[in-house]
Amino acid sequence: MSLVLSNLTKQFNDFTAVDDINIEVPRGSMYGFLGGNGAGKTTTFRMLLGLLVPTAGDITYDGAKIGYDMTDKIGYLPEERGLHPKLQVDEQIQYLARLKGMKKQEIDRQLDFWLEEFEVPENKQKRIEKLSKGNQQKIQLIASIIHEPELIILDEPFSGLDPVNVEILKKAVKELNRNGATILFSTHRMDHVEELCEELCILNKGRQVVSGNIDDIKADFGQKELIIEGKHDISFLKEFPGVLEMKQNRNKSVIKIAEEKYAEDIFHEIVKLGYFKRFQVNEPSLNDIFIAKVGRQYE
């Protein structure tokens, strides 16, 4: 049971915003869409929600097309703020949750729970316009999840938030996922994807650069990062077989190698020099993979 995007394409006249995306989002997973501005993340989400009609391709959820009957099972946090500034928090949430079929008493109970969870119970009867950007984002997220949806789509949920509020929202997203929700979220922050997701799709100018399980992607990529710390001169490794790049700072060297097998050869070579404090092989970062696949630094 999963969400499947098959040959998904969206064109606006001569411009192709999403170009033949094929991915499968397993039920109960946390799936990240990674890419900069204009990568096609929001357009993909709008097609998922039926707000845009695909130019080509299909979207299915549990084997069926997503129709109006799915509305109450989906939660959506748009990148743009969509709250009424003159309404009180409880008025806004009551209105939106009633549209999802919830009863007033249950809405009030859930709202109290989430306001406590987000550490802002004092905001319940404040007008939206009086809240900070971070607290407005919390209210918008509550509106997206209060009806306990099974599929949650979050478009740049942590954008513009201070580190404390980012951690509070990340904790909530993890909890929703632990409780069974399938969560898709877009971001331009690789560290958020590395921390939260098991699966990802990197988009660049509408194209699917790489997708799938993050651990599998890293393992299949081949390149590894080697960290060596010690007082011996190992600058000669720049010319060593399999070494792609080497950066040195005082007694620490960070070396990119083409495959893990080269690490063993390097190890046997440097131990001839004596003691080293550290010899560590790391998986490549998502940034390394992005640069290799796209051919430029991630923005």
Protein backbone atom coordinates (compact mmCIF):
# COMPACT_ATOMS: atom_id res chain seq x y z
CA MET A 1 0.00 0.00 0.00
CA SER A 2 1.67 3.20 -1.11
CA LEU A 3 1.55 6.48 -3.00
CA VAL A 4 2.80 6.06 -6.58
CA LEU A 5 3.74 8.79 -9.06
CA SER A 6 4.10 7.38 -12.58
CA ASN A 7 5.61 9.43 -15.44
CA LEU A 8 4.29 12.56 -13.74
CA THR A 9 4.76 15.65 -15.89
CA LYS A 10 3.48 19.23 -15.73
CA GLN A 11 3.98 21.81 -18.45
CA PHE A 12 2.95 25.45 -18.46
CA ASN A 13 2.94 26.37 -22.16
CA ASP A 14 6.57 25.77 -23.24
CA PHE A 15 7.92 25.48 -19.68
CA THR A 16 8.23 22.02 -18.11
CA ALA A 17 7.94 22.42 -14.32
CA VAL A 18 7.89 18.67 -13.54
CA ASP A 19 9.53 16.31 -15.99
CA ASP A 20 8.58 12.61 -15.92
CA ILE A 21 8.83 11.81 -12.19
CA ASN A 22 8.52 8.15 -11.15
CA ILE A 23 8.55 7.43 -7.42
CA GLU A 24 6.87 5.21 -4.85
CA VAL A 25 6.24 6.45 -1.31
CA PRO A 26 5.77 3.48 1.06
CA ARG A 27 2.87 3.74 3.48
CA GLY A 28 4.02 4.98 6.89
CA SER A 29 7.29 6.40 5.60
CA MET A 30 8.79 9.88 5.92
CA TYR A 31 9.64 10.97 2.37
CA GLY A 32 11.66 14.07 1.53
CA PHE A 33 11.57 16.14 -1.64
CA LEU A 34 14.88 17.95 -1.83
CA GLY A 35 15.64 20.79 -4.22
CA GLY A 36 16.13 24.52 -4.57
CA ASN A 37 13.66 27.13 -5.76
CA GLY A 38 12.10 26.13 -9.06
CA ALA A 39 12.96 22.44 -8.64
CA GLY A 40 9.31 21.38 -9.00
CA LYS A 41 8.50 20.44 -5.40
CA THR A 42 5.41 22.62 -4.91
CA THR A 43 4.06 21.84 -8.38
CA THR A 44 4.32 18.12 -7.60
CA PHE A 45 2.42 18.61 -4.33
CA ARG A 46 -0.31 20.62 -6.06
CA MET A 47 -0.83 17.80 -8.55
CA LEU A 48 -1.02 15.30 -5.66
CA LEU A 49 -3.77 17.41 -4.11
CA GLY A 50 -5.71 17.84 -7.35
CA LEU A 51 -5.06 21.59 -7.41
CA LEU A 52 -3.21 21.18 -10.72
CA VAL A 53 -3.99 18.67 -13.47
CA PRO A 54 -0.95 16.74 -14.70
CA THR A 55 0.02 17.19 -18.33
CA ALA A 56 0.92 13.50 -18.36
CA GLY A 57 1.25 10.59 -15.96
CA ASP A 58 -0.73 9.20 -13.03
CA ILE A 59 -0.95 9.51 -9.27
CA THR A 60 -2.42 6.65 -7.25
CA TYR A 61 -2.84 6.03 -3.53
CA ASP A 62 -3.41 2.43 -2.45
CA GLY A 63 -3.97 1.57 -6.10
CA ALA A 64 -6.68 4.15 -6.77
CA LYS A 65 -6.63 7.72 -8.07
CA ILE A 66 -6.86 10.40 -5.41
CA GLY A 67 -10.37 11.82 -5.55
CA TYR A 68 -12.57 14.10 -3.47
CA ASP A 69 -13.41 11.20 -1.16
CA MET A 70 -9.76 11.26 0.01
CA THR A 71 -9.92 14.87 1.18
CA ASP A 72 -10.50 14.13 4.85
CA LYS A 73 -7.56 11.71 4.91
CA ILE A 74 -5.06 14.31 3.70
CA GLY A 75 -3.38 17.15 5.58
CA TYR A 76 -1.63 19.93 3.65
CA LEU A 77 0.66 22.66 4.91
CA PRO A 78 1.30 25.12 2.05
CA GLU A 79 4.50 27.12 1.87
CA GLU A 80 2.50 30.35 1.74
CA ARG A 81 0.58 31.42 4.84
CA GLY A 82 -3.15 30.73 4.40
CA LEU A 83 -4.65 31.92 7.69
CA HIS A 84 -7.16 34.74 8.13
CA PRO A 85 -5.28 37.48 10.02
CA LYS A 86 -8.37 38.91 11.78
CA LEU A 87 -9.61 35.61 13.21
CA GLN A 88 -8.69 34.25 16.61
CA VAL A 89 -6.66 31.04 16.65
CA ASP A 90 -9.56 28.96 18.01
CA GLU A 91 -11.99 30.48 15.48
CA GLN A 92 -9.68 29.71 12.56
CA ILE A 93 -9.02 26.14 13.67
CA GLN A 94 -12.70 25.49 14.41
CA TYR A 95 -13.65 26.65 10.91
CA LEU A 96 -11.00 24.60 9.07
CA ALA A 97 -11.49 21.45 11.17
CA ARG A 98 -15.29 21.56 10.72
CA LEU A 99 -14.65 21.46 6.97
CA LYS A 100 -12.86 18.16 7.62
CA GLY A 101 -15.94 16.75 9.37
CA MET A 102 -14.83 17.20 12.98
CA LYS A 103 -17.18 18.10 15.84
CA LYS A 104 -16.70 21.27 17.90
CA GLN A 105 -15.87 19.51 21.19
CA GLU A 106 -13.27 17.23 19.58
CA ILE A 107 -11.70 20.19 17.78
CA ASP A 108 -11.37 22.08 21.05
CA ARG A 109 -9.78 19.08 22.78
CA GLN A 110 -7.28 18.49 19.97
CA LEU A 111 -6.47 22.20 19.70
CA ASP A 112 -5.64 22.34 23.43
CA PHE A 113 -3.40 19.29 23.02
CA TRP A 114 -1.44 20.74 20.10
CA LEU A 115 -1.10 24.21 21.62
CA GLU A 116 0.46 22.56 24.69
CA GLU A 117 2.65 20.39 22.45
CA PHE A 118 3.89 23.50 20.62
CA GLU A 119 4.32 25.38 23.92
CA VAL A 120 1.89 28.19 23.01
CA PRO A 121 -1.36 27.53 25.00
CA GLU A 122 -1.65 31.28 25.66
CA ASN A 123 -2.30 31.90 21.94
CA LYS A 124 -5.66 30.14 21.79
CA GLN A 125 -7.75 33.31 21.71
CA LYS A 126 -5.22 35.65 20.11
CA ARG A 127 -5.78 37.04 16.64
CA ILE A 128 -3.60 35.46 13.97
CA GLU A 129 -2.11 38.83 12.95
CA LYS A 130 -0.80 39.32 16.50
CA LEU A 131 1.34 36.16 16.36
CA SER A 132 4.96 35.92 15.31
CA LYS A 133 5.81 34.19 12.03
CA GLY A 134 6.94 31.09 13.92
CA ASN A 135 3.73 30.90 15.95
CA GLN A 136 1.61 31.42 12.82
CA GLN A 137 3.45 28.47 11.29
CA LYS A 138 2.56 26.36 14.34
CA ILE A 139 -1.13 27.25 13.98
CA GLN A 140 -1.04 26.47 10.28
CA LEU A 141 0.51 23.08 11.03
CA ILE A 142 -2.19 22.39 13.64
CA ALA A 143 -4.80 23.16 10.98
CA SER A 144 -3.11 20.61 8.71
CA ILE A 145 -2.99 17.75 11.23
CA ILE A 146 -5.84 18.27 13.70
CA HIS A 147 -8.12 15.84 11.82
CA GLU A 148 -5.47 13.08 12.14
CA PRO A 149 -4.84 12.57 8.41
CA GLU A 150 -3.11 9.42 7.15
CA LEU A 151 -1.29 11.31 4.37
CA ILE A 152 0.41 14.58 5.34
CA ILE A 153 2.03 16.91 2.79
CA LEU A 154 4.27 19.64 4.21
CA ASP A 155 5.71 22.25 1.85
CA GLU A 156 8.84 23.82 3.41
CA PRO A 157 7.46 23.36 6.97
CA PHE A 158 10.59 24.73 8.70
CA SER A 159 11.18 27.71 6.40
CA GLY A 160 12.00 30.95 8.22
CA LEU A 161 11.79 29.47 11.72
CA ASP A 162 14.33 29.95 14.47
CA PRO A 163 16.23 26.84 15.64
CA VAL A 164 14.08 26.35 18.77
CA ASN A 165 10.83 26.31 16.80
CA VAL A 166 12.36 24.08 14.13
CA GLU A 167 13.12 21.48 16.82
CA ILE A 168 9.58 21.72 18.26
CA LEU A 169 8.01 21.19 14.83
CA LYS A 170 10.42 18.38 13.93
CA LYS A 171 9.47 16.58 17.14
CA ALA A 172 5.77 16.83 16.20
CA VAL A 173 6.39 15.57 12.66
CA LYS A 174 8.35 12.57 13.99
CA GLU A 175 5.52 11.76 16.42
CA LEU A 176 2.90 11.90 13.65
CA ASN A 177 5.01 9.52 11.60
CA ARG A 178 5.47 7.14 14.54
CA ASN A 179 1.68 7.08 14.90
CA GLY A 180 1.34 5.79 11.33
CA ALA A 181 0.99 8.84 9.10
CA THR A 182 2.72 8.86 5.73
CA ILE A 183 4.54 12.19 5.50
CA LEU A 184 5.90 13.96 2.44
CA PHE A 185 7.78 17.15 2.98
CA SER A 186 9.78 19.45 0.78
CA THR A 187 12.86 21.34 1.84
CA HIS A 188 16.04 22.88 0.52
CA ARG A 189 17.84 21.78 3.70
CA MET A 190 19.78 18.55 3.27
CA ASP A 191 20.36 18.17 7.00
CA HIS A 192 16.59 18.00 7.62
CA VAL A 193 16.22 15.21 5.06
CA GLU A 194 19.21 13.31 6.49
CA GLU A 195 17.75 13.51 10.00
CA LEU A 196 14.06 12.83 9.32
CA CYS A 197 13.68 10.72 6.20
CA GLU A 198 14.24 7.14 5.16
CA GLU A 199 13.39 7.91 1.52
CA LEU A 200 13.97 10.91 -0.69
CA CYS A 201 13.73 12.33 -4.18
CA ILE A 202 16.21 14.99 -5.29
CA LEU A 203 14.67 17.30 -7.88
CA ASN A 204 16.58 19.70 -10.10
CA LYS A 205 14.78 21.93 -12.62
CA GLY A 206 11.80 19.58 -12.61
CA ARG A 207 13.84 16.43 -13.18
CA GLN A 208 14.26 13.49 -10.83
CA VAL A 209 18.01 13.37 -10.14
CA VAL A 210 17.98 10.44 -7.73
CA SER A 211 15.35 8.78 -5.54
CA GLY A 212 14.80 5.89 -3.17
CA ASN A 213 16.01 4.74 0.25
CA ILE A 214 18.71 7.12 1.53
CA ASP A 215 20.96 4.37 2.91
CA ASP A 216 20.72 2.47 -0.39
CA ILE A 217 21.46 5.62 -2.40
CA LYS A 218 24.57 6.30 -0.35
CA ALA A 219 25.74 2.69 -0.51
CA ASP A 220 25.19 2.51 -4.28
CA PHE A 221 26.89 5.82 -4.94
CA GLY A 222 30.34 4.32 -4.45
CA GLN A 223 32.29 7.37 -3.32
CA LYS A 224 33.26 7.51 0.34
CA GLU A 225 34.77 10.14 2.63
CA LEU A 226 37.91 9.32 4.57
CA ILE A 227 38.93 11.31 7.66
CA ILE A 228 42.49 10.95 8.90
CA GLU A 229 43.95 12.74 11.94
CA GLY A 230 47.58 12.59 12.90
CA LYS A 231 50.84 14.55 12.96
CA HIS A 232 52.51 12.78 10.02
CA ASP A 233 52.73 14.36 6.56
CA ILE A 234 50.32 12.47 4.28
CA SER A 235 50.08 15.04 1.47
CA PHE A 236 51.46 12.38 -0.89
CA LEU A 237 48.02 10.71 -0.80
CA LYS A 238 46.74 13.35 -3.25
CA GLU A 239 48.32 11.27 -5.99
CA PHE A 240 47.29 7.92 -4.53
CA PRO A 241 45.07 5.57 -6.63
CA GLY A 242 41.35 6.14 -6.03
CA VAL A 243 41.78 9.56 -4.38
CA LEU A 244 39.45 12.12 -5.99
CA GLU A 245 39.98 15.08 -3.68
CA MET A 246 41.94 15.91 -0.55
CA LYS A 247 41.54 18.78 1.90
CA GLN A 248 43.99 19.35 4.74
CA ASN A 249 43.72 21.54 7.81
CA ARG A 250 46.54 21.25 10.34
CA ASN A 251 46.58 17.62 11.47
CA LYS A 252 43.26 16.66 9.88
CA SER A 253 42.75 15.44 6.29
CA VAL A 254 39.41 14.85 4.56
CA ILE A 255 39.77 12.68 1.48
CA LYS A 256 37.18 11.69 -1.11
CA ILE A 257 37.81 8.24 -2.54
CA ALA A 258 36.15 6.61 -5.55
CA GLU A 259 35.33 3.35 -3.72
CA GLU A 260 35.65 1.97 -0.21
CA LYS A 261 38.27 -0.59 -1.31
CA TYR A 262 40.85 2.21 -1.65
CA ALA A 263 40.55 2.96 2.10
CA GLU A 264 42.30 -0.30 2.97
CA ASP A 265 45.25 0.48 0.67
CA ILE A 266 45.56 3.96 2.17
CA PHE A 267 45.41 2.57 5.71
CA HIS A 268 48.22 0.08 5.05
CA GLU A 269 50.32 2.86 3.52
CA ILE A 270 49.99 5.42 6.33
CA VAL A 271 50.48 3.03 9.28
CA LYS A 272 54.04 2.63 8.04
CA LEU A 273 54.54 6.23 9.24
CA GLY A 274 53.46 5.53 12.82
CA TYR A 275 50.53 6.43 15.08
CA PHE A 276 47.35 8.13 13.81
CA LYS A 277 44.68 9.43 16.16
CA ARG A 278 41.80 8.79 13.73
CA PHE A 279 41.06 6.80 10.58
CA GLN A 280 37.36 6.87 9.67
CA VAL A 281 35.38 5.95 6.55
CA ASN A 282 32.06 7.81 6.10
CA GLU A 283 29.21 7.44 3.66
CA PRO A 284 28.99 10.33 1.17
CA SER A 285 26.79 13.27 2.15
CA LEU A 286 23.67 14.15 0.18
CA ASN A 287 25.55 17.26 -0.89
CA ASP A 288 28.33 15.11 -2.42
CA ILE A 289 25.72 13.07 -4.28
CA PHE A 290 23.91 16.19 -5.51
CA ILE A 291 27.13 17.71 -6.86
CA ALA A 292 28.07 14.45 -8.59
CA LYS A 293 24.64 14.04 -10.17
CA VAL A 294 23.89 17.66 -11.05
CA GLY A 295 27.42 18.92 -11.61
CA ARG A 296 27.29 21.97 -9.36
CA GLN A 297 27.20 23.04 -5.71
CA TYR A 298 23.81 22.71 -4.04
CA GLU A 299 22.24 26.11 -3.33
